[in-house]
Amino acid sequence: MSSTDHGTKKVNELSFESAQRSLEQSLNLHLTEEQSVWLNERVSSLCDIETERFLSVINESLHAVRRKLSKRHVVISFSERAEASTPSPYGAVPVGHWLQSELAQIFMISRVLTRRTSLSDRLSTLYKIYDASDTEGRVACLRSLNFVEGRTEDALIMIHDAGRTYLSELMEAGWCHHPFSSKHLSAEELRKAVMKALFCDVSIEGIIGIDQLADQELSRRLSEFANEREAADRMVPPEVWRVASYYPVPGLIARLIGKLEHPMRDDRLNASVCLGRAKDPLAHPFLRDRLSREDDLEVKKAIQGALQVLASQD
């Protein structure tokens, strides 16, 4: 990776301008001609407006986008949402959970800042928009970080601010489905993000690179979290076991083996996947025994996969 004169990092060959064009192309699939004209006129006016009025007018424009454009999902088919993404210089950005109005807001923010603001001031200006916005506007600003070039340290101010809140919308927008965050937060910052997300009932599955983040320290923290949840008779999210199983703490393998006999098929499925990741030969006879009695095809497939992993360790 090479650094520019302004302290930004080129993560891959895709330019920010190309990423913004991809946003625009996706957006045009959903807009009527009238909506497209209206949005482009708004963007043009925001690029030329005087500095003194800019913050108030762009926030009013973000509100107007929510009123005027559809709140339907960008990807209509539920089965296709998990795989839907748009390119950015930091990597693919999952967009299946975005609304059409949110896509328009992100396009507006990124295009306006690119056209009217110098590179060194771009992300500090984005923070000012974020600071003056309501929750929905802040979510759009956080997601826009993947499409606006500027100083990394200015972007991280926004990510850290979102992480200090207890608003699930901001934590998710700052940490989840967010390649910029995954590439620029330190390992310890990401561990803390994972744990706070769990305590605030924000799914950690959306944290890009969560599997690569797994280490002994994160496994220890996740196992302690699971102990506390189970002691309080509360559900442990399945992704907790899946990440912790990469570096199992003492007792975890036995707990997962016990879950092979759980009456709920999702728990058996999750235990089978986790035991494959843990690669502990202790699980082999228990997996074989469960396979002989398992009647759910997906669980059987997971057990067979785990057994193949264990066999490759011999």
C-alpha atoms as a PDB file:
ATOM      1  CA  MET A   1       0.000   0.000   0.000  1.00  0.00           C
ATOM      2  CA  SER A   2       1.228   3.469  -0.767  1.00  0.00           C
ATOM      3  CA  SER A   3       0.436   6.685   1.075  1.00  0.00           C
ATOM      4  CA  THR A   4      -0.606   9.914  -0.577  1.00  0.00           C
ATOM      5  CA  ASP A   5       0.632  13.356   0.447  1.00  0.00           C
ATOM      6  CA  HIS A   6      -2.473  13.748   2.581  1.00  0.00           C
ATOM      7  CA  GLY A   7      -1.982  10.620   4.644  1.00  0.00           C
ATOM      8  CA  THR A   8      -4.612   8.498   2.884  1.00  0.00           C
ATOM      9  CA  LYS A   9      -3.989   4.899   1.859  1.00  0.00           C
ATOM     10  CA  LYS A  10      -4.751   3.335  -1.502  1.00  0.00           C
ATOM     11  CA  VAL A  11      -6.085  -0.060  -0.515  1.00  0.00           C
ATOM     12  CA  ASN A  12      -6.521  -1.412  -4.046  1.00  0.00           C
ATOM     13  CA  GLU A  13      -6.735  -0.203  -7.621  1.00  0.00           C
ATOM     14  CA  LEU A  14     -10.390   0.880  -7.504  1.00  0.00           C
ATOM     15  CA  SER A  15     -10.697   4.655  -7.338  1.00  0.00           C
ATOM     16  CA  PHE A  16     -13.172   6.491  -5.133  1.00  0.00           C
ATOM     17  CA  GLU A  17     -14.654   8.035  -8.272  1.00  0.00           C
ATOM     18  CA  SER A  18     -15.294   4.569  -9.721  1.00  0.00           C
ATOM     19  CA  ALA A  19     -16.894   3.443  -6.460  1.00  0.00           C
ATOM     20  CA  GLN A  20     -19.201   6.466  -6.543  1.00  0.00           C
ATOM     21  CA  ARG A  21     -20.146   5.695 -10.144  1.00  0.00           C
ATOM     22  CA  SER A  22     -21.101   2.175  -9.062  1.00  0.00           C
ATOM     23  CA  LEU A  23     -23.325   3.679  -6.367  1.00  0.00           C
ATOM     24  CA  GLU A  24     -24.934   5.915  -8.968  1.00  0.00           C
ATOM     25  CA  GLN A  25     -25.510   3.029 -11.377  1.00  0.00           C
ATOM     26  CA  SER A  26     -27.166   0.975  -8.652  1.00  0.00           C
ATOM     27  CA  LEU A  27     -29.275   3.929  -7.629  1.00  0.00           C
ATOM     28  CA  ASN A  28     -30.459   4.593 -11.183  1.00  0.00           C
ATOM     29  CA  LEU A  29     -32.002   1.124 -11.293  1.00  0.00           C
ATOM     30  CA  HIS A  30     -34.509   2.240  -8.664  1.00  0.00           C
ATOM     31  CA  LEU A  31     -35.232   5.908  -9.465  1.00  0.00           C
ATOM     32  CA  THR A  32     -37.919   7.286 -11.710  1.00  0.00           C
ATOM     33  CA  GLU A  33     -36.816   9.926 -14.204  1.00  0.00           C
ATOM     34  CA  GLU A  34     -38.350  12.623 -12.016  1.00  0.00           C
ATOM     35  CA  GLN A  35     -36.510  11.368  -8.919  1.00  0.00           C
ATOM     36  CA  SER A  36     -33.226  11.163 -10.805  1.00  0.00           C
ATOM     37  CA  VAL A  37     -33.525  14.754 -12.039  1.00  0.00           C
ATOM     38  CA  TRP A  38     -34.447  15.949  -8.553  1.00  0.00           C
ATOM     39  CA  LEU A  39     -31.495  14.156  -6.919  1.00  0.00           C
ATOM     40  CA  ASN A  40     -28.961  15.430  -9.459  1.00  0.00           C
ATOM     41  CA  GLU A  41     -30.240  18.975  -9.047  1.00  0.00           C
ATOM     42  CA  ARG A  42     -29.853  18.658  -5.270  1.00  0.00           C
ATOM     43  CA  VAL A  43     -26.291  17.389  -5.644  1.00  0.00           C
ATOM     44  CA  SER A  44     -25.391  20.222  -8.015  1.00  0.00           C
ATOM     45  CA  SER A  45     -26.852  22.884  -5.740  1.00  0.00           C
ATOM     46  CA  LEU A  46     -25.019  21.476  -2.717  1.00  0.00           C
ATOM     47  CA  CYS A  47     -21.730  21.564  -4.610  1.00  0.00           C
ATOM     48  CA  ASP A  48     -22.126  25.295  -5.222  1.00  0.00           C
ATOM     49  CA  ILE A  49     -23.764  26.512  -2.010  1.00  0.00           C
ATOM     50  CA  GLU A  50     -21.864  28.917   0.236  1.00  0.00           C
ATOM     51  CA  THR A  51     -19.988  27.434   3.180  1.00  0.00           C
ATOM     52  CA  GLU A  52     -22.074  29.236   5.810  1.00  0.00           C
ATOM     53  CA  ARG A  53     -25.254  27.441   4.722  1.00  0.00           C
ATOM     54  CA  PHE A  54     -23.775  24.102   3.702  1.00  0.00           C
ATOM     55  CA  LEU A  55     -24.331  22.065   6.887  1.00  0.00           C
ATOM     56  CA  SER A  56     -27.927  23.093   7.358  1.00  0.00           C
ATOM     57  CA  VAL A  57     -28.816  22.612   3.685  1.00  0.00           C
ATOM     58  CA  ILE A  58     -27.176  19.194   3.299  1.00  0.00           C
ATOM     59  CA  ASN A  59     -28.936  17.932   6.403  1.00  0.00           C
ATOM     60  CA  GLU A  60     -32.229  19.254   5.085  1.00  0.00           C
ATOM     61  CA  SER A  61     -31.428  17.481   1.800  1.00  0.00           C
ATOM     62  CA  LEU A  62     -30.784  14.187   3.597  1.00  0.00           C
ATOM     63  CA  HIS A  63     -34.208  14.522   5.239  1.00  0.00           C
ATOM     64  CA  ALA A  64     -35.727  15.303   1.832  1.00  0.00           C
ATOM     65  CA  VAL A  65     -34.222  12.138   0.354  1.00  0.00           C
ATOM     66  CA  ARG A  66     -35.953  10.062   3.037  1.00  0.00           C
ATOM     67  CA  ARG A  67     -39.266  11.755   2.289  1.00  0.00           C
ATOM     68  CA  LYS A  68     -39.063  11.594  -1.495  1.00  0.00           C
ATOM     69  CA  LEU A  69     -37.405   8.255  -2.263  1.00  0.00           C
ATOM     70  CA  SER A  70     -38.499   4.709  -1.561  1.00  0.00           C
ATOM     71  CA  LYS A  71     -37.739   2.948   1.692  1.00  0.00           C
ATOM     72  CA  ARG A  72     -37.789  -0.431   0.003  1.00  0.00           C
ATOM     73  CA  HIS A  73     -34.631  -2.502   0.137  1.00  0.00           C
ATOM     74  CA  VAL A  74     -32.057  -2.066  -2.608  1.00  0.00           C
ATOM     75  CA  VAL A  75     -32.147  -5.843  -3.119  1.00  0.00           C
ATOM     76  CA  ILE A  76     -35.765  -6.958  -3.245  1.00  0.00           C
ATOM     77  CA  SER A  77     -35.126 -10.702  -3.154  1.00  0.00           C
ATOM     78  CA  PHE A  78     -34.525 -11.764   0.442  1.00  0.00           C
ATOM     79  CA  SER A  79     -32.462 -14.770  -0.672  1.00  0.00           C
ATOM     80  CA  GLU A  80     -30.048 -12.519  -2.598  1.00  0.00           C
ATOM     81  CA  ARG A  81     -29.419  -9.923   0.107  1.00  0.00           C
ATOM     82  CA  ALA A  82     -26.604 -11.764   1.872  1.00  0.00           C
ATOM     83  CA  GLU A  83     -24.471 -11.783  -1.300  1.00  0.00           C
ATOM     84  CA  ALA A  84     -25.245  -8.274  -2.587  1.00  0.00           C
ATOM     85  CA  SER A  85     -22.390  -5.778  -2.481  1.00  0.00           C
ATOM     86  CA  THR A  86     -20.940  -2.711  -4.159  1.00  0.00           C
ATOM     87  CA  PRO A  87     -17.221  -2.065  -4.690  1.00  0.00           C
ATOM     88  CA  SER A  88     -15.150   0.409  -2.704  1.00  0.00           C
ATOM     89  CA  PRO A  89     -11.406   1.085  -2.497  1.00  0.00           C
ATOM     90  CA  TYR A  90     -11.401  -0.786   0.837  1.00  0.00           C
ATOM     91  CA  GLY A  91     -13.206  -3.869  -0.467  1.00  0.00           C
ATOM     92  CA  ALA A  92     -16.733  -4.989  -1.233  1.00  0.00           C
ATOM     93  CA  VAL A  93     -19.410  -3.250   0.842  1.00  0.00           C
ATOM     94  CA  PRO A  94     -22.452  -5.438   1.631  1.00  0.00           C
ATOM     95  CA  VAL A  95     -25.607  -3.545   0.620  1.00  0.00           C
ATOM     96  CA  GLY A  96     -28.382  -6.121   0.893  1.00  0.00           C
ATOM     97  CA  HIS A  97     -29.677  -4.510   4.089  1.00  0.00           C
ATOM     98  CA  TRP A  98     -29.658  -0.955   2.645  1.00  0.00           C
ATOM     99  CA  LEU A  99     -32.843   0.893   1.749  1.00  0.00           C
ATOM    100  CA  GLN A 100     -33.080   2.746  -1.547  1.00  0.00           C
ATOM    101  CA  SER A 101     -33.309   6.053   0.303  1.00  0.00           C
ATOM    102  CA  GLU A 102     -30.140   5.157   2.256  1.00  0.00           C
ATOM    103  CA  LEU A 103     -28.285   4.401  -0.975  1.00  0.00           C
ATOM    104  CA  ALA A 104     -29.312   7.822  -2.285  1.00  0.00           C
ATOM    105  CA  GLN A 105     -28.088   9.541   0.887  1.00  0.00           C
ATOM    106  CA  ILE A 106     -24.701   7.821   0.691  1.00  0.00           C
ATOM    107  CA  PHE A 107     -24.364   8.725  -2.974  1.00  0.00           C
ATOM    108  CA  MET A 108     -25.311  12.338  -2.239  1.00  0.00           C
ATOM    109  CA  ILE A 109     -22.809  12.690   0.602  1.00  0.00           C
ATOM    110  CA  SER A 110     -19.916  11.097  -1.237  1.00  0.00           C
ATOM    111  CA  ARG A 111     -20.472  12.935  -4.520  1.00  0.00           C
ATOM    112  CA  VAL A 112     -20.965  16.352  -2.919  1.00  0.00           C
ATOM    113  CA  LEU A 113     -17.893  16.095  -0.683  1.00  0.00           C
ATOM    114  CA  THR A 114     -15.735  14.909  -3.560  1.00  0.00           C
ATOM    115  CA  ARG A 115     -16.790  17.796  -5.774  1.00  0.00           C
ATOM    116  CA  ARG A 116     -16.761  20.693  -3.317  1.00  0.00           C
ATOM    117  CA  THR A 117     -14.156  19.867  -0.661  1.00  0.00           C
ATOM    118  CA  SER A 118     -10.372  19.589  -0.800  1.00  0.00           C
ATOM    119  CA  LEU A 119      -8.899  16.173  -0.086  1.00  0.00           C
ATOM    120  CA  SER A 120      -7.320  17.269   3.200  1.00  0.00           C
ATOM    121  CA  ASP A 121     -10.658  18.644   4.492  1.00  0.00           C
ATOM    122  CA  ARG A 122     -13.018  16.044   3.049  1.00  0.00           C
ATOM    123  CA  LEU A 123     -13.465  13.701   6.011  1.00  0.00           C
ATOM    124  CA  SER A 124     -13.323  16.444   8.614  1.00  0.00           C
ATOM    125  CA  THR A 125     -16.246  18.019   6.743  1.00  0.00           C
ATOM    126  CA  LEU A 126     -18.018  14.663   6.765  1.00  0.00           C
ATOM    127  CA  TYR A 127     -17.609  14.578  10.534  1.00  0.00           C
ATOM    128  CA  LYS A 128     -19.266  17.999  10.769  1.00  0.00           C
ATOM    129  CA  ILE A 129     -22.227  16.662   8.770  1.00  0.00           C
ATOM    130  CA  TYR A 130     -22.327  13.603  11.050  1.00  0.00           C
ATOM    131  CA  ASP A 131     -22.188  15.744  14.183  1.00  0.00           C
ATOM    132  CA  ALA A 132     -25.072  17.934  13.007  1.00  0.00           C
ATOM    133  CA  SER A 133     -27.277  15.029  11.843  1.00  0.00           C
ATOM    134  CA  ASP A 134     -29.960  12.895  13.404  1.00  0.00           C
ATOM    135  CA  THR A 135     -29.411   9.149  13.832  1.00  0.00           C
ATOM    136  CA  GLU A 136     -30.392   8.241  10.274  1.00  0.00           C
ATOM    137  CA  GLY A 137     -28.124  10.939   8.874  1.00  0.00           C
ATOM    138  CA  ARG A 138     -25.249   9.700  11.019  1.00  0.00           C
ATOM    139  CA  VAL A 139     -25.764   6.168   9.737  1.00  0.00           C
ATOM    140  CA  ALA A 140     -25.436   7.473   6.166  1.00  0.00           C
ATOM    141  CA  CYS A 141     -22.273   9.392   7.070  1.00  0.00           C
ATOM    142  CA  LEU A 142     -20.679   6.320   8.661  1.00  0.00           C
ATOM    143  CA  ARG A 143     -21.411   4.168   5.619  1.00  0.00           C
ATOM    144  CA  SER A 144     -20.117   6.932   3.346  1.00  0.00           C
ATOM    145  CA  LEU A 145     -16.632   6.481   4.809  1.00  0.00           C
ATOM    146  CA  ASN A 146     -16.120   3.624   2.367  1.00  0.00           C
ATOM    147  CA  PHE A 147     -16.642   5.963  -0.600  1.00  0.00           C
ATOM    148  CA  VAL A 148     -15.001   9.255   0.438  1.00  0.00           C
ATOM    149  CA  GLU A 149     -11.255   9.748   0.193  1.00  0.00           C
ATOM    150  CA  GLY A 150      -9.457  11.682   2.920  1.00  0.00           C
ATOM    151  CA  ARG A 151      -7.385  11.498   6.076  1.00  0.00           C
ATOM    152  CA  THR A 152      -7.750   8.184   7.873  1.00  0.00           C
ATOM    153  CA  GLU A 153      -7.494   9.782  11.312  1.00  0.00           C
ATOM    154  CA  ASP A 154     -10.482  12.037  10.544  1.00  0.00           C
ATOM    155  CA  ALA A 155     -12.570   9.007   9.585  1.00  0.00           C
ATOM    156  CA  LEU A 156     -11.614   7.098  12.726  1.00  0.00           C
ATOM    157  CA  ILE A 157     -12.940   9.959  14.875  1.00  0.00           C
ATOM    158  CA  MET A 158     -16.408   9.169  13.524  1.00  0.00           C
ATOM    159  CA  ILE A 159     -16.035   5.408  14.003  1.00  0.00           C
ATOM    160  CA  HIS A 160     -14.898   5.861  17.605  1.00  0.00           C
ATOM    161  CA  ASP A 161     -17.732   8.299  18.312  1.00  0.00           C
ATOM    162  CA  ALA A 162     -20.311   5.811  17.032  1.00  0.00           C
ATOM    163  CA  GLY A 163     -18.726   3.108  19.184  1.00  0.00           C
ATOM    164  CA  ARG A 164     -19.050   5.189  22.333  1.00  0.00           C
ATOM    165  CA  THR A 165     -22.814   5.395  21.944  1.00  0.00           C
ATOM    166  CA  TYR A 166     -25.355   2.787  22.946  1.00  0.00           C
ATOM    167  CA  LEU A 167     -27.376   3.198  19.762  1.00  0.00           C
ATOM    168  CA  SER A 168     -27.443  -0.104  17.901  1.00  0.00           C
ATOM    169  CA  GLU A 169     -27.955   1.703  14.577  1.00  0.00           C
ATOM    170  CA  LEU A 170     -24.714   3.653  14.964  1.00  0.00           C
ATOM    171  CA  MET A 171     -22.674   0.734  16.263  1.00  0.00           C
ATOM    172  CA  GLU A 172     -23.833  -1.429  13.375  1.00  0.00           C
ATOM    173  CA  ALA A 173     -23.193   1.316  10.807  1.00  0.00           C
ATOM    174  CA  GLY A 174     -19.710   1.951  12.209  1.00  0.00           C
ATOM    175  CA  TRP A 175     -18.549  -1.642  12.668  1.00  0.00           C
ATOM    176  CA  CYS A 176     -20.649  -3.979  10.530  1.00  0.00           C
ATOM    177  CA  HIS A 177     -20.549  -4.475   6.753  1.00  0.00           C
ATOM    178  CA  HIS A 178     -17.823  -1.828   6.817  1.00  0.00           C
ATOM    179  CA  PRO A 179     -14.503  -2.671   5.099  1.00  0.00           C
ATOM    180  CA  PHE A 180     -12.955   0.660   6.126  1.00  0.00           C
ATOM    181  CA  SER A 181     -13.437  -0.149   9.822  1.00  0.00           C
ATOM    182  CA  SER A 182     -12.195  -3.700   9.455  1.00  0.00           C
ATOM    183  CA  LYS A 183      -9.001  -2.503   7.745  1.00  0.00           C
ATOM    184  CA  HIS A 184      -8.202   0.470   9.959  1.00  0.00           C
ATOM    185  CA  LEU A 185      -9.254  -0.418  13.500  1.00  0.00           C
ATOM    186  CA  SER A 186      -6.553  -2.136  15.535  1.00  0.00           C
ATOM    187  CA  ALA A 187      -6.972  -5.736  16.685  1.00  0.00           C
ATOM    188  CA  GLU A 188      -7.746  -4.579  20.238  1.00  0.00           C
ATOM    189  CA  GLU A 189     -10.226  -1.964  19.001  1.00  0.00           C
ATOM    190  CA  LEU A 190     -11.994  -4.662  16.992  1.00  0.00           C
ATOM    191  CA  ARG A 191     -12.048  -7.020  20.011  1.00  0.00           C
ATOM    192  CA  LYS A 192     -13.680  -4.278  22.076  1.00  0.00           C
ATOM    193  CA  ALA A 193     -16.132  -3.602  19.258  1.00  0.00           C
ATOM    194  CA  VAL A 194     -17.077  -7.293  19.151  1.00  0.00           C
ATOM    195  CA  MET A 195     -17.710  -7.439  22.887  1.00  0.00           C
ATOM    196  CA  LYS A 196     -19.689  -4.203  23.066  1.00  0.00           C
ATOM    197  CA  ALA A 197     -21.761  -5.253  20.069  1.00  0.00           C
ATOM    198  CA  LEU A 198     -22.656  -8.496  21.844  1.00  0.00           C
ATOM    199  CA  PHE A 199     -23.588  -6.760  25.093  1.00  0.00           C
ATOM    200  CA  CYS A 200     -25.799  -4.388  23.096  1.00  0.00           C
ATOM    201  CA  ASP A 201     -27.430  -7.196  21.065  1.00  0.00           C
ATOM    202  CA  VAL A 202     -25.796  -6.123  17.789  1.00  0.00           C
ATOM    203  CA  SER A 203     -24.899  -9.112  15.633  1.00  0.00           C
ATOM    204  CA  ILE A 204     -21.150  -9.583  15.213  1.00  0.00           C
ATOM    205  CA  GLU A 205     -21.639 -11.627  12.031  1.00  0.00           C
ATOM    206  CA  GLY A 206     -21.587  -8.370  10.073  1.00  0.00           C
ATOM    207  CA  ILE A 207     -18.087  -7.432  11.269  1.00  0.00           C
ATOM    208  CA  ILE A 208     -16.002  -8.074   8.173  1.00  0.00           C
ATOM    209  CA  GLY A 209     -13.045 -10.339   8.900  1.00  0.00           C
ATOM    210  CA  ILE A 210     -14.433 -11.589  12.227  1.00  0.00           C
ATOM    211  CA  ASP A 211     -12.959 -15.045  11.535  1.00  0.00           C
ATOM    212  CA  GLN A 212      -9.501 -13.583  10.876  1.00  0.00           C
ATOM    213  CA  LEU A 213      -9.772 -11.557  14.075  1.00  0.00           C
ATOM    214  CA  ALA A 214     -10.198 -14.726  16.141  1.00  0.00           C
ATOM    215  CA  ASP A 215      -7.344 -15.333  18.582  1.00  0.00           C
ATOM    216  CA  GLN A 216      -6.869 -16.705  22.098  1.00  0.00           C
ATOM    217  CA  GLU A 217      -7.706 -13.396  23.759  1.00  0.00           C
ATOM    218  CA  LEU A 218     -10.948 -12.905  21.850  1.00  0.00           C
ATOM    219  CA  SER A 219     -11.896 -16.534  22.481  1.00  0.00           C
ATOM    220  CA  ARG A 220     -11.369 -16.024  26.213  1.00  0.00           C
ATOM    221  CA  ARG A 221     -13.586 -12.944  26.252  1.00  0.00           C
ATOM    222  CA  LEU A 222     -16.276 -14.639  24.193  1.00  0.00           C
ATOM    223  CA  SER A 223     -16.274 -17.674  26.477  1.00  0.00           C
ATOM    224  CA  GLU A 224     -16.656 -15.450  29.547  1.00  0.00           C
ATOM    225  CA  PHE A 225     -19.538 -13.686  27.832  1.00  0.00           C
ATOM    226  CA  ALA A 226     -21.166 -17.046  27.071  1.00  0.00           C
ATOM    227  CA  ASN A 227     -20.738 -18.157  30.694  1.00  0.00           C
ATOM    228  CA  GLU A 228     -22.477 -15.026  31.956  1.00  0.00           C
ATOM    229  CA  ARG A 229     -25.336 -15.374  29.472  1.00  0.00           C
ATOM    230  CA  GLU A 230     -25.957 -19.011  30.271  1.00  0.00           C
ATOM    231  CA  ALA A 231     -25.753 -18.359  34.014  1.00  0.00           C
ATOM    232  CA  ALA A 232     -28.508 -15.781  33.532  1.00  0.00           C
ATOM    233  CA  ASP A 233     -30.493 -18.285  31.447  1.00  0.00           C
ATOM    234  CA  ARG A 234     -30.132 -16.093  28.362  1.00  0.00           C
ATOM    235  CA  MET A 235     -29.451 -17.166  24.791  1.00  0.00           C
ATOM    236  CA  VAL A 236     -25.876 -17.129  23.501  1.00  0.00           C
ATOM    237  CA  PRO A 237     -25.724 -15.954  19.868  1.00  0.00           C
ATOM    238  CA  PRO A 238     -24.438 -18.827  17.690  1.00  0.00           C
ATOM    239  CA  GLU A 239     -21.667 -16.688  16.215  1.00  0.00           C
ATOM    240  CA  VAL A 240     -20.077 -16.478  19.685  1.00  0.00           C
ATOM    241  CA  TRP A 241     -19.368 -20.221  19.627  1.00  0.00           C
ATOM    242  CA  ARG A 242     -18.284 -20.121  15.998  1.00  0.00           C
ATOM    243  CA  VAL A 243     -15.602 -17.496  16.597  1.00  0.00           C
ATOM    244  CA  ALA A 244     -14.492 -18.837  19.986  1.00  0.00           C
ATOM    245  CA  SER A 245     -14.039 -22.356  18.570  1.00  0.00           C
ATOM    246  CA  TYR A 246     -11.009 -21.306  16.516  1.00  0.00           C
ATOM    247  CA  TYR A 247      -9.039 -21.064  19.781  1.00  0.00           C
ATOM    248  CA  PRO A 248     -11.081 -23.110  22.280  1.00  0.00           C
ATOM    249  CA  VAL A 249     -10.525 -22.395  25.953  1.00  0.00           C
ATOM    250  CA  PRO A 250     -10.552 -25.328  28.423  1.00  0.00           C
ATOM    251  CA  GLY A 251     -14.033 -26.808  28.664  1.00  0.00           C
ATOM    252  CA  LEU A 252     -15.344 -25.412  25.368  1.00  0.00           C
ATOM    253  CA  ILE A 253     -14.959 -28.673  23.422  1.00  0.00           C
ATOM    254  CA  ALA A 254     -16.935 -30.554  26.078  1.00  0.00           C
ATOM    255  CA  ARG A 255     -19.691 -27.925  25.944  1.00  0.00           C
ATOM    256  CA  LEU A 256     -19.904 -28.182  22.163  1.00  0.00           C
ATOM    257  CA  ILE A 257     -19.971 -31.985  22.307  1.00  0.00           C
ATOM    258  CA  GLY A 258     -22.893 -31.710  24.710  1.00  0.00           C
ATOM    259  CA  LYS A 259     -24.722 -29.467  22.249  1.00  0.00           C
ATOM    260  CA  LEU A 260     -24.606 -32.254  19.647  1.00  0.00           C
ATOM    261  CA  GLU A 261     -27.502 -33.770  21.593  1.00  0.00           C
ATOM    262  CA  HIS A 262     -29.526 -30.558  21.784  1.00  0.00           C
ATOM    263  CA  PRO A 263     -33.186 -30.973  20.753  1.00  0.00           C
ATOM    264  CA  MET A 264     -32.983 -27.850  18.542  1.00  0.00           C
ATOM    265  CA  ARG A 265     -31.449 -28.621  15.149  1.00  0.00           C
ATOM    266  CA  ASP A 266     -29.855 -25.164  14.884  1.00  0.00           C
ATOM    267  CA  ASP A 267     -27.894 -25.842  18.065  1.00  0.00           C
ATOM    268  CA  ARG A 268     -26.731 -29.215  16.744  1.00  0.00           C
ATOM    269  CA  LEU A 269     -25.798 -27.604  13.437  1.00  0.00           C
ATOM    270  CA  ASN A 270     -23.818 -24.865  15.132  1.00  0.00           C
ATOM    271  CA  ALA A 271     -22.029 -27.350  17.424  1.00  0.00           C
ATOM    272  CA  SER A 272     -21.028 -29.468  14.423  1.00  0.00           C
ATOM    273  CA  VAL A 273     -19.567 -26.478  12.571  1.00  0.00           C
ATOM    274  CA  CYS A 274     -17.721 -25.322  15.691  1.00  0.00           C
ATOM    275  CA  LEU A 275     -16.206 -28.742  16.375  1.00  0.00           C
ATOM    276  CA  GLY A 276     -14.881 -28.791  12.827  1.00  0.00           C
ATOM    277  CA  ARG A 277     -13.250 -25.424  13.380  1.00  0.00           C
ATOM    278  CA  ALA A 278     -11.792 -26.458  16.736  1.00  0.00           C
ATOM    279  CA  LYS A 279     -10.055 -29.502  15.160  1.00  0.00           C
ATOM    280  CA  ASP A 280      -9.888 -31.321  18.480  1.00  0.00           C
ATOM    281  CA  PRO A 281      -9.666 -35.141  18.042  1.00  0.00           C
ATOM    282  CA  LEU A 282     -11.596 -35.580  21.291  1.00  0.00           C
ATOM    283  CA  ALA A 283     -14.757 -34.758  19.325  1.00  0.00           C
ATOM    284  CA  HIS A 284     -14.290 -37.519  16.738  1.00  0.00           C
ATOM    285  CA  PRO A 285     -16.208 -40.407  18.409  1.00  0.00           C
ATOM    286  CA  PHE A 286     -19.029 -38.104  19.487  1.00  0.00           C
ATOM    287  CA  LEU A 287     -19.432 -36.749  15.961  1.00  0.00           C
ATOM    288  CA  ARG A 288     -19.464 -40.286  14.558  1.00  0.00           C
ATOM    289  CA  ASP A 289     -22.075 -41.352  17.062  1.00  0.00           C
ATOM    290  CA  ARG A 290     -24.273 -38.334  16.362  1.00  0.00           C
ATOM    291  CA  LEU A 291     -23.955 -38.878  12.611  1.00  0.00           C
ATOM    292  CA  SER A 292     -25.372 -42.385  12.967  1.00  0.00           C
ATOM    293  CA  ARG A 293     -28.498 -40.977  14.636  1.00  0.00           C
ATOM    294  CA  GLU A 294     -28.940 -37.578  12.989  1.00  0.00           C
ATOM    295  CA  ASP A 295     -31.953 -37.215  10.685  1.00  0.00           C
ATOM    296  CA  ASP A 296     -31.550 -33.567   9.597  1.00  0.00           C
ATOM    297  CA  LEU A 297     -29.719 -33.434   6.261  1.00  0.00           C
ATOM    298  CA  GLU A 298     -28.013 -30.080   6.879  1.00  0.00           C
ATOM    299  CA  VAL A 299     -26.763 -31.163  10.295  1.00  0.00           C
ATOM    300  CA  LYS A 300     -25.523 -34.452   8.840  1.00  0.00           C
ATOM    301  CA  LYS A 301     -23.616 -32.540   6.180  1.00  0.00           C
ATOM    302  CA  ALA A 302     -22.023 -30.315   8.850  1.00  0.00           C
ATOM    303  CA  ILE A 303     -21.007 -33.366  10.910  1.00  0.00           C
ATOM    304  CA  GLN A 304     -19.498 -35.019   7.852  1.00  0.00           C
ATOM    305  CA  GLY A 305     -17.562 -31.818   7.133  1.00  0.00           C
ATOM    306  CA  ALA A 306     -16.243 -31.734  10.690  1.00  0.00           C
ATOM    307  CA  LEU A 307     -15.193 -35.372  10.467  1.00  0.00           C
ATOM    308  CA  GLN A 308     -13.339 -34.694   7.225  1.00  0.00           C
ATOM    309  CA  VAL A 309     -11.438 -31.869   8.900  1.00  0.00           C
ATOM    310  CA  LEU A 310     -10.496 -34.127  11.806  1.00  0.00           C
ATOM    311  CA  ALA A 311      -9.436 -36.905   9.443  1.00  0.00           C
ATOM    312  CA  SER A 312      -7.124 -34.478   7.622  1.00  0.00           C
ATOM    313  CA  GLN A 313      -5.369 -33.792  10.949  1.00  0.00           C
ATOM    314  CA  ASP A 314      -4.333 -37.423  11.353  1.00  0.00           C
END
